[in-house]
Amino acid sequence: GDNCGLIAQKAATVIGTVPYWMSDHGFFRMGSGGVE
């Protein structure tokens, strides 16, 4: 994924099996088709 970087070291988590994180311009997760 590009344009989806992490804003800070502790700004990502996994809920179930899905990673969620905060970038400097939005919130993202890994979906079945890649970064969403």
Full PDB file with SEQRES, HELIX, SHEET, SSBOND, CRYST1, ORIGX, SCALE, CONECT and MASTER records, all heavy atoms in Angstrom:
SEQRES   1 A   36  GLY ASP ASN CYS GLY LEU ILE ALA GLN LYS ALA ALA THR          
SEQRES   2 A   36  VAL ILE GLY THR VAL PRO TYR TRP MET SER ASP HIS GLY          
SEQRES   3 A   36  PHE PHE ARG MET GLY SER GLY GLY VAL GLU                      
SHEET    1 AA1 4 ALA A  12  ILE A  15  0                                        
SHEET    2 AA1 4 VAL A  18  MET A  22 -1                                        
SHEET    3 AA1 4 PHE A  27  GLY A  31 -1                                        
SHEET    4 AA1 4 GLY A  34  VAL A  35 -1                                        
CRYST1    1.000    1.000    1.000  90.00  90.00  90.00 P 1           1          
ORIGX1      1.000000  0.000000  0.000000        0.00000                         
ORIGX2      0.000000  1.000000  0.000000        0.00000                         
ORIGX3      0.000000  0.000000  1.000000        0.00000                         
SCALE1      1.000000  0.000000  0.000000        0.00000                         
SCALE2      0.000000  1.000000  0.000000        0.00000                         
SCALE3      0.000000  0.000000  1.000000        0.00000                         
ATOM      1  N   GLY A   1       0.832  -1.201   0.000  1.00  0.00           N  
ATOM      2  CA  GLY A   1       0.000   0.000   0.000  1.00  0.00           C  
ATOM      3  C   GLY A   1       0.862   1.244   0.000  1.00  0.00           C  
ATOM      4  O   GLY A   1       1.901   1.275   0.654  1.00  0.00           O  
ATOM      5  N   ASP A   2       0.444   2.260  -0.765  1.00  0.00           N  
ATOM      6  CA  ASP A   2       1.155   3.534  -0.729  1.00  0.00           C  
ATOM      7  C   ASP A   2       0.195   4.637  -0.327  1.00  0.00           C  
ATOM      8  O   ASP A   2      -1.014   4.464  -0.369  1.00  0.00           O  
ATOM      9  CB  ASP A   2       1.850   3.846  -2.066  1.00  0.00           C  
ATOM     10  CG  ASP A   2       0.873   4.066  -3.200  1.00  0.00           C  
ATOM     11  OD1 ASP A   2      -0.324   3.801  -3.025  1.00  0.00           O  
ATOM     12  OD2 ASP A   2       1.308   4.497  -4.273  1.00  0.00           O  
ATOM     13  N   ASN A   3       0.736   5.744   0.129  1.00  0.00           N  
ATOM     14  CA  ASN A   3      -0.051   6.860   0.637  1.00  0.00           C  
ATOM     15  C   ASN A   3      -0.942   6.427   1.809  1.00  0.00           C  
ATOM     16  O   ASN A   3      -2.075   6.875   1.945  1.00  0.00           O  
ATOM     17  CB  ASN A   3      -0.877   7.516  -0.479  1.00  0.00           C  
ATOM     18  CG  ASN A   3      -1.283   8.923  -0.123  1.00  0.00           C  
ATOM     19  OD1 ASN A   3      -0.639   9.584   0.686  1.00  0.00           O  
ATOM     20  ND2 ASN A   3      -2.361   9.385  -0.712  1.00  0.00           N  
ATOM     21  N   CYS A   4      -0.403   5.519   2.626  1.00  0.00           N  
ATOM     22  CA  CYS A   4      -1.141   4.998   3.776  1.00  0.00           C  
ATOM     23  C   CYS A   4      -0.200   4.773   4.955  1.00  0.00           C  
ATOM     24  O   CYS A   4      -0.424   3.903   5.783  1.00  0.00           O  
ATOM     25  CB  CYS A   4      -1.835   3.692   3.414  1.00  0.00           C  
ATOM     26  SG  CYS A   4      -0.699   2.351   2.975  1.00  0.00           S  
ATOM     27  N   GLY A   5       0.861   5.572   5.035  1.00  0.00           N  
ATOM     28  CA  GLY A   5       1.871   5.389   6.072  1.00  0.00           C  
ATOM     29  C   GLY A   5       1.330   5.570   7.474  1.00  0.00           C  
ATOM     30  O   GLY A   5       0.227   6.074   7.683  1.00  0.00           O  
ATOM     31  N   LEU A   6       2.113   5.170   8.443  1.00  0.00           N  
ATOM     32  CA  LEU A   6       1.734   5.233   9.850  1.00  0.00           C  
ATOM     33  C   LEU A   6       2.148   6.574  10.446  1.00  0.00           C  
ATOM     34  O   LEU A   6       3.257   7.042  10.218  1.00  0.00           O  
ATOM     35  CB  LEU A   6       2.438   4.084  10.581  1.00  0.00           C  
ATOM     36  CG  LEU A   6       2.038   3.769  12.010  1.00  0.00           C  
ATOM     37  CD1 LEU A   6       0.571   3.344  12.085  1.00  0.00           C  
ATOM     38  CD2 LEU A   6       2.922   2.657  12.560  1.00  0.00           C  
ATOM     39  N   ILE A   7       1.254   7.200  11.218  1.00  0.00           N  
ATOM     40  CA  ILE A   7       1.534   8.518  11.786  1.00  0.00           C  
ATOM     41  C   ILE A   7       2.488   8.441  12.971  1.00  0.00           C  
ATOM     42  O   ILE A   7       3.282   9.346  13.200  1.00  0.00           O  
ATOM     43  CB  ILE A   7       0.232   9.257  12.173  1.00  0.00           C  
ATOM     44  CG1 ILE A   7       0.520  10.732  12.446  1.00  0.00           C  
ATOM     45  CG2 ILE A   7      -0.453   8.573  13.347  1.00  0.00           C  
ATOM     46  CD1 ILE A   7      -0.703  11.597  12.543  1.00  0.00           C  
ATOM     47  N   ALA A   8       2.419   7.354  13.758  1.00  0.00           N  
ATOM     48  CA  ALA A   8       3.253   7.209  14.953  1.00  0.00           C  
ATOM     49  C   ALA A   8       3.431   5.727  15.255  1.00  0.00           C  
ATOM     50  O   ALA A   8       2.616   4.901  14.862  1.00  0.00           O  
ATOM     51  CB  ALA A   8       2.608   7.921  16.142  1.00  0.00           C  
ATOM     52  N   GLN A   9       4.473   5.420  15.972  1.00  0.00           N  
ATOM     53  CA  GLN A   9       4.838   4.035  16.229  1.00  0.00           C  
ATOM     54  C   GLN A   9       3.710   3.218  16.853  1.00  0.00           C  
ATOM     55  O   GLN A   9       3.534   2.047  16.544  1.00  0.00           O  
ATOM     56  CB  GLN A   9       6.059   3.989  17.140  1.00  0.00           C  
ATOM     57  CG  GLN A   9       6.565   2.603  17.404  1.00  0.00           C  
ATOM     58  CD  GLN A   9       7.785   2.588  18.307  1.00  0.00           C  
ATOM     59  OE1 GLN A   9       8.141   3.605  18.897  1.00  0.00           O  
ATOM     60  NE2 GLN A   9       8.417   1.452  18.417  1.00  0.00           N  
ATOM     61  N   LYS A  10       2.927   3.797  17.741  1.00  0.00           N  
ATOM     62  CA  LYS A  10       1.875   3.069  18.465  1.00  0.00           C  
ATOM     63  C   LYS A  10       0.474   3.307  17.882  1.00  0.00           C  
ATOM     64  O   LYS A  10      -0.521   3.078  18.557  1.00  0.00           O  
ATOM     65  CB  LYS A  10       1.875   3.479  19.939  1.00  0.00           C  
ATOM     66  CG  LYS A  10       3.192   3.275  20.640  1.00  0.00           C  
ATOM     67  CD  LYS A  10       3.423   1.833  20.952  1.00  0.00           C  
ATOM     68  CE  LYS A  10       4.701   1.699  21.762  1.00  0.00           C  
ATOM     69  NZ  LYS A  10       5.087   0.343  21.951  1.00  0.00           N  
ATOM     70  N   ALA A  11       0.391   3.757  16.640  1.00  0.00           N  
ATOM     71  CA  ALA A  11      -0.903   4.107  16.046  1.00  0.00           C  
ATOM     72  C   ALA A  11      -1.486   2.996  15.189  1.00  0.00           C  
ATOM     73  O   ALA A  11      -2.279   3.242  14.293  1.00  0.00           O  
ATOM     74  CB  ALA A  11      -0.772   5.394  15.235  1.00  0.00           C  
ATOM     75  N   ALA A  12      -1.109   1.734  15.465  1.00  0.00           N  
ATOM     76  CA  ALA A  12      -1.652   0.590  14.733  1.00  0.00           C  
ATOM     77  C   ALA A  12      -2.032  -0.504  15.714  1.00  0.00           C  
ATOM     78  O   ALA A  12      -1.417  -0.649  16.770  1.00  0.00           O  
ATOM     79  CB  ALA A  12      -0.625   0.065  13.734  1.00  0.00           C  
ATOM     80  N   THR A  13      -3.058  -1.276  15.364  1.00  0.00           N  
ATOM     81  CA  THR A  13      -3.488  -2.405  16.184  1.00  0.00           C  
ATOM     82  C   THR A  13      -4.064  -3.467  15.266  1.00  0.00           C  
ATOM     83  O   THR A  13      -4.331  -3.219  14.091  1.00  0.00           O  
ATOM     84  CB  THR A  13      -4.537  -1.967  17.231  1.00  0.00           C  
ATOM     85  OG1 THR A  13      -4.733  -3.023  18.165  1.00  0.00           O  
ATOM     86  CG2 THR A  13      -5.862  -1.597  16.591  1.00  0.00           C  
ATOM     87  N   VAL A  14      -4.273  -4.648  15.820  1.00  0.00           N  
ATOM     88  CA  VAL A  14      -4.955  -5.720  15.104  1.00  0.00           C  
ATOM     89  C   VAL A  14      -6.214  -6.052  15.876  1.00  0.00           C  
ATOM     90  O   VAL A  14      -6.173  -6.278  17.090  1.00  0.00           O  
ATOM     91  CB  VAL A  14      -4.063  -6.974  14.973  1.00  0.00           C  
ATOM     92  CG1 VAL A  14      -4.839  -8.121  14.346  1.00  0.00           C  
ATOM     93  CG2 VAL A  14      -2.829  -6.656  14.157  1.00  0.00           C  
ATOM     94  N   ILE A  15      -7.329  -6.065  15.179  1.00  0.00           N  
ATOM     95  CA  ILE A  15      -8.605  -6.430  15.780  1.00  0.00           C  
ATOM     96  C   ILE A  15      -9.062  -7.696  15.066  1.00  0.00           C  
ATOM     97  O   ILE A  15      -9.323  -7.664  13.864  1.00  0.00           O  
ATOM     98  CB  ILE A  15      -9.641  -5.300  15.651  1.00  0.00           C  
ATOM     99  CG1 ILE A  15      -9.094  -4.033  16.313  1.00  0.00           C  
ATOM    100  CG2 ILE A  15     -10.972  -5.721  16.262  1.00  0.00           C  
ATOM    101  CD1 ILE A  15      -9.919  -2.796  16.076  1.00  0.00           C  
ATOM    102  N   GLY A  16      -9.127  -8.782  15.804  1.00  0.00           N  
ATOM    103  CA  GLY A  16      -9.352 -10.087  15.178  1.00  0.00           C  
ATOM    104  C   GLY A  16      -8.099 -10.449  14.402  1.00  0.00           C  
ATOM    105  O   GLY A  16      -7.043 -10.662  14.974  1.00  0.00           O  
ATOM    106  N   THR A  17      -8.205 -10.455  13.097  1.00  0.00           N  
ATOM    107  CA  THR A  17      -7.035 -10.693  12.242  1.00  0.00           C  
ATOM    108  C   THR A  17      -6.770  -9.513  11.323  1.00  0.00           C  
ATOM    109  O   THR A  17      -5.928  -9.602  10.436  1.00  0.00           O  
ATOM    110  CB  THR A  17      -7.245 -11.956  11.385  1.00  0.00           C  
ATOM    111  OG1 THR A  17      -8.419 -11.773  10.574  1.00  0.00           O  
ATOM    112  CG2 THR A  17      -7.414 -13.191  12.254  1.00  0.00           C  
ATOM    113  N   VAL A  18      -7.478  -8.396  11.532  1.00  0.00           N  
ATOM    114  CA  VAL A  18      -7.398  -7.254  10.625  1.00  0.00           C  
ATOM    115  C   VAL A  18      -6.597  -6.107  11.253  1.00  0.00           C  
ATOM    116  O   VAL A  18      -6.969  -5.604  12.316  1.00  0.00           O  
ATOM    117  CB  VAL A  18      -8.811  -6.744  10.246  1.00  0.00           C  
ATOM    118  CG1 VAL A  18      -8.744  -5.539   9.324  1.00  0.00           C  
ATOM    119  CG2 VAL A  18      -9.628  -7.861   9.621  1.00  0.00           C  
ATOM    120  N   PRO A  19      -5.506  -5.682  10.612  1.00  0.00           N  
ATOM    121  CA  PRO A  19      -4.776  -4.500  11.092  1.00  0.00           C  
ATOM    122  C   PRO A  19      -5.538  -3.207  10.783  1.00  0.00           C  
ATOM    123  O   PRO A  19      -6.107  -3.056   9.701  1.00  0.00           O  
ATOM    124  CB  PRO A  19      -3.470  -4.538  10.298  1.00  0.00           C  
ATOM    125  CG  PRO A  19      -3.375  -5.913   9.743  1.00  0.00           C  
ATOM    126  CD  PRO A  19      -4.778  -6.378   9.566  1.00  0.00           C  
ATOM    127  N   TYR A  20      -5.551  -2.285  11.753  1.00  0.00           N  
ATOM    128  CA  TYR A  20      -6.137  -0.948  11.612  1.00  0.00           C  
ATOM    129  C   TYR A  20      -5.066   0.047  12.007  1.00  0.00           C  
ATOM    130  O   TYR A  20      -4.309  -0.198  12.944  1.00  0.00           O  
ATOM    131  CB  TYR A  20      -7.335  -0.768  12.549  1.00  0.00           C  
ATOM    132  CG  TYR A  20      -8.553  -1.570  12.153  1.00  0.00           C  
ATOM    133  CD1 TYR A  20      -8.654  -2.917  12.495  1.00  0.00           C  
ATOM    134  CD2 TYR A  20      -9.590  -0.983  11.447  1.00  0.00           C  
ATOM    135  CE1 TYR A  20      -9.765  -3.662  12.129  1.00  0.00           C  
ATOM    136  CE2 TYR A  20     -10.709  -1.724  11.085  1.00  0.00           C  
ATOM    137  CZ  TYR A  20     -10.786  -3.056  11.428  1.00  0.00           C  
ATOM    138  OH  TYR A  20     -11.887  -3.782  11.064  1.00  0.00           O  
ATOM    139  N   TRP A  21      -5.004   1.202  11.332  1.00  0.00           N  
ATOM    140  CA  TRP A  21      -4.006   2.197  11.701  1.00  0.00           C  
ATOM    141  C   TRP A  21      -4.422   3.591  11.274  1.00  0.00           C  
ATOM    142  O   TRP A  21      -5.322   3.788  10.477  1.00  0.00           O  
ATOM    143  CB  TRP A  21      -2.630   1.842  11.138  1.00  0.00           C  
ATOM    144  CG  TRP A  21      -2.483   1.910   9.647  1.00  0.00           C  
ATOM    145  CD1 TRP A  21      -2.011   2.962   8.911  1.00  0.00           C  
ATOM    146  CD2 TRP A  21      -2.787   0.882   8.705  1.00  0.00           C  
ATOM    147  NE1 TRP A  21      -1.999   2.651   7.571  1.00  0.00           N  
ATOM    148  CE2 TRP A  21      -2.470   1.367   7.424  1.00  0.00           C  
ATOM    149  CE3 TRP A  21      -3.301  -0.409   8.809  1.00  0.00           C  
ATOM    150  CZ2 TRP A  21      -2.645   0.614   6.264  1.00  0.00           C  
ATOM    151  CZ3 TRP A  21      -3.480  -1.155   7.666  1.00  0.00           C  
ATOM    152  CH2 TRP A  21      -3.148  -0.641   6.415  1.00  0.00           C  
ATOM    153  N   MET A  22      -3.707   4.560  11.865  1.00  0.00           N  
ATOM    154  CA  MET A  22      -3.916   5.980  11.594  1.00  0.00           C  
ATOM    155  C   MET A  22      -2.707   6.501  10.823  1.00  0.00           C  
ATOM    156  O   MET A  22      -1.570   6.251  11.199  1.00  0.00           O  
ATOM    157  CB  MET A  22      -4.054   6.738  12.913  1.00  0.00           C  
ATOM    158  CG  MET A  22      -4.270   8.214  12.783  1.00  0.00           C  
ATOM    159  SD  MET A  22      -4.406   8.959  14.448  1.00  0.00           S  
ATOM    160  CE  MET A  22      -4.669  10.673  14.019  1.00  0.00           C  
ATOM    161  N   SER A  23      -2.973   7.227   9.747  1.00  0.00           N  
ATOM    162  CA  SER A  23      -1.904   7.898   9.000  1.00  0.00           C  
ATOM    163  C   SER A  23      -1.998   9.390   9.294  1.00  0.00           C  
ATOM    164  O   SER A  23      -2.800   9.807  10.123  1.00  0.00           O  
ATOM    165  CB  SER A  23      -2.042   7.632   7.500  1.00  0.00           C  
ATOM    166  OG  SER A  23      -3.035   8.461   6.939  1.00  0.00           O  
ATOM    167  N   ASP A  24      -1.237  10.168   8.590  1.00  0.00           N  
ATOM    168  CA  ASP A  24      -1.303  11.612   8.790  1.00  0.00           C  
ATOM    169  C   ASP A  24      -2.472  12.258   8.051  1.00  0.00           C  
ATOM    170  O   ASP A  24      -2.661  13.462   8.116  1.00  0.00           O  
ATOM    171  CB  ASP A  24       0.014  12.281   8.388  1.00  0.00           C  
ATOM    172  CG  ASP A  24       0.325  12.118   6.905  1.00  0.00           C  
ATOM    173  OD1 ASP A  24      -0.416  11.415   6.180  1.00  0.00           O  
ATOM    174  OD2 ASP A  24       1.329  12.702   6.454  1.00  0.00           O  
ATOM    175  N   HIS A  25      -3.277  11.449   7.352  1.00  0.00           N  
ATOM    176  CA  HIS A  25      -4.403  12.006   6.602  1.00  0.00           C  
ATOM    177  C   HIS A  25      -5.633  11.099   6.566  1.00  0.00           C  
ATOM    178  O   HIS A  25      -6.563  11.347   5.812  1.00  0.00           O  
ATOM    179  CB  HIS A  25      -3.974  12.329   5.171  1.00  0.00           C  
ATOM    180  CG  HIS A  25      -3.573  11.114   4.383  1.00  0.00           C  
ATOM    181  ND1 HIS A  25      -2.328  10.557   4.482  1.00  0.00           N  
ATOM    182  CD2 HIS A  25      -4.269  10.351   3.524  1.00  0.00           C  
ATOM    183  CE1 HIS A  25      -2.257   9.504   3.694  1.00  0.00           C  
ATOM    184  NE2 HIS A  25      -3.432   9.353   3.102  1.00  0.00           N  
ATOM    185  N   GLY A  26      -5.667  10.039   7.363  1.00  0.00           N  
ATOM    186  CA  GLY A  26      -6.839   9.166   7.371  1.00  0.00           C  
ATOM    187  C   GLY A  26      -6.613   7.915   8.186  1.00  0.00           C  
ATOM    188  O   GLY A  26      -5.560   7.723   8.803  1.00  0.00           O  
ATOM    189  N   PHE A  27      -7.621   7.046   8.165  1.00  0.00           N  
ATOM    190  CA  PHE A  27      -7.595   5.781   8.890  1.00  0.00           C  
ATOM    191  C   PHE A  27      -7.686   4.648   7.873  1.00  0.00           C  
ATOM    192  O   PHE A  27      -8.432   4.746   6.893  1.00  0.00           O  
ATOM    193  CB  PHE A  27      -8.763   5.712   9.882  1.00  0.00           C  
ATOM    194  CG  PHE A  27      -8.727   6.814  10.899  1.00  0.00           C  
ATOM    195  CD1 PHE A  27      -9.463   7.968  10.711  1.00  0.00           C  
ATOM    196  CD2 PHE A  27      -7.944   6.698  12.032  1.00  0.00           C  
ATOM    197  CE1 PHE A  27      -9.433   8.995  11.640  1.00  0.00           C  
ATOM    198  CE2 PHE A  27      -7.905   7.725  12.968  1.00  0.00           C  
ATOM    199  CZ  PHE A  27      -8.645   8.870  12.766  1.00  0.00           C  
ATOM    200  N   PHE A  28      -6.952   3.570   8.134  1.00  0.00           N  
ATOM    201  CA  PHE A  28      -6.842   2.492   7.163  1.00  0.00           C  
ATOM    202  C   PHE A  28      -6.993   1.138   7.838  1.00  0.00           C  
ATOM    203  O   PHE A  28      -6.840   1.009   9.042  1.00  0.00           O  
ATOM    204  CB  PHE A  28      -5.470   2.545   6.471  1.00  0.00           C  
ATOM    205  CG  PHE A  28      -5.280   3.761   5.615  1.00  0.00           C  
ATOM    206  CD1 PHE A  28      -4.830   4.948   6.168  1.00  0.00           C  
ATOM    207  CD2 PHE A  28      -5.567   3.725   4.260  1.00  0.00           C  
ATOM    208  CE1 PHE A  28      -4.661   6.079   5.401  1.00  0.00           C  
ATOM    209  CE2 PHE A  28      -5.394   4.847   3.475  1.00  0.00           C  
ATOM    210  CZ  PHE A  28      -4.946   6.027   4.042  1.00  0.00           C  
ATOM    211  N   ARG A  29      -7.264   0.126   7.000  1.00  0.00           N  
ATOM    212  CA  ARG A  29      -7.294  -1.273   7.426  1.00  0.00           C  
ATOM    213  C   ARG A  29      -6.877  -2.144   6.245  1.00  0.00           C  
ATOM    214  O   ARG A  29      -6.911  -1.704   5.100  1.00  0.00           O  
ATOM    215  CB  ARG A  29      -8.670  -1.676   7.920  1.00  0.00           C  
ATOM    216  CG  ARG A  29      -9.714  -1.718   6.823  1.00  0.00           C  
ATOM    217  CD  ARG A  29     -11.060  -2.182   7.335  1.00  0.00           C  
ATOM    218  NE  ARG A  29     -12.085  -1.759   6.391  1.00  0.00           N  
ATOM    219  CZ  ARG A  29     -13.235  -1.230   6.719  1.00  0.00           C  
ATOM    220  NH1 ARG A  29     -13.547  -1.057   7.977  1.00  0.00           N  
ATOM    221  NH2 ARG A  29     -14.097  -0.864   5.801  1.00  0.00           N  
ATOM    222  N   MET A  30      -6.508  -3.360   6.575  1.00  0.00           N  
ATOM    223  CA  MET A  30      -6.223  -4.344   5.533  1.00  0.00           C  
ATOM    224  C   MET A  30      -7.518  -5.053   5.222  1.00  0.00           C  
ATOM    225  O   MET A  30      -8.111  -5.682   6.096  1.00  0.00           O  
ATOM    226  CB  MET A  30      -5.181  -5.358   5.998  1.00  0.00           C  
ATOM    227  CG  MET A  30      -3.769  -4.853   5.999  1.00  0.00           C  
ATOM    228  SD  MET A  30      -3.139  -4.458   4.357  1.00  0.00           S  
ATOM    229  CE  MET A  30      -3.224  -6.038   3.570  1.00  0.00           C  
ATOM    230  N   GLY A  31      -7.974  -4.945   3.994  1.00  0.00           N  
ATOM    231  CA  GLY A  31      -9.165  -5.652   3.554  1.00  0.00           C  
ATOM    232  C   GLY A  31      -8.782  -6.842   2.706  1.00  0.00           C  
ATOM    233  O   GLY A  31      -7.606  -7.115   2.473  1.00  0.00           O  
ATOM    234  N   SER A  32      -9.761  -7.545   2.209  1.00  0.00           N  
ATOM    235  CA  SER A  32      -9.493  -8.729   1.394  1.00  0.00           C  
ATOM    236  C   SER A  32      -8.791  -8.368   0.089  1.00  0.00           C  
ATOM    237  O   SER A  32      -8.052  -9.170  -0.462  1.00  0.00           O  
ATOM    238  CB  SER A  32     -10.793  -9.478   1.100  1.00  0.00           C  
ATOM    239  OG  SER A  32     -11.710  -8.618   0.436  1.00  0.00           O  
ATOM    240  N   GLY A  33      -8.997  -7.139  -0.387  1.00  0.00           N  
ATOM    241  CA  GLY A  33      -8.349  -6.707  -1.620  1.00  0.00           C  
ATOM    242  C   GLY A  33      -7.101  -5.873  -1.399  1.00  0.00           C  
ATOM    243  O   GLY A  33      -6.556  -5.311  -2.338  1.00  0.00           O  
ATOM    244  N   GLY A  34      -6.649  -5.760  -0.160  1.00  0.00           N  
ATOM    245  CA  GLY A  34      -5.468  -4.963   0.151  1.00  0.00           C  
ATOM    246  C   GLY A  34      -5.806  -3.835   1.106  1.00  0.00           C  
ATOM    247  O   GLY A  34      -6.775  -3.904   1.864  1.00  0.00           O  
ATOM    248  N   VAL A  35      -5.015  -2.761   1.054  1.00  0.00           N  
ATOM    249  CA  VAL A  35      -5.200  -1.616   1.948  1.00  0.00           C  
ATOM    250  C   VAL A  35      -6.456  -0.851   1.558  1.00  0.00           C  
ATOM    251  O   VAL A  35      -6.677  -0.557   0.387  1.00  0.00           O  
ATOM    252  CB  VAL A  35      -3.972  -0.693   1.894  1.00  0.00           C  
ATOM    253  CG1 VAL A  35      -4.208   0.568   2.706  1.00  0.00           C  
ATOM    254  CG2 VAL A  35      -2.731  -1.422   2.393  1.00  0.00           C  
ATOM    255  N   GLU A  36      -7.282  -0.531   2.569  1.00  0.00           N  
ATOM    256  CA  GLU A  36      -8.509   0.245   2.354  1.00  0.00           C  
ATOM    257  C   GLU A  36      -8.517   1.447   3.287  1.00  0.00           C  
ATOM    258  O   GLU A  36      -8.228   1.305   4.477  1.00  0.00           O  
ATOM    259  CB  GLU A  36      -9.748  -0.581   2.702  1.00  0.00           C  
ATOM    260  CG  GLU A  36      -9.914  -1.847   1.952  1.00  0.00           C  
ATOM    261  CD  GLU A  36     -11.077  -2.691   2.479  1.00  0.00           C  
ATOM    262  OE1 GLU A  36     -11.621  -2.391   3.572  1.00  0.00           O  
ATOM    263  OE2 GLU A  36     -11.421  -3.655   1.798  1.00  0.00           O  
TER     264      GLU A  36                                                      
MASTER        0    0    0    0    4    0    0    6  263    1    0    3          
END                                                                             
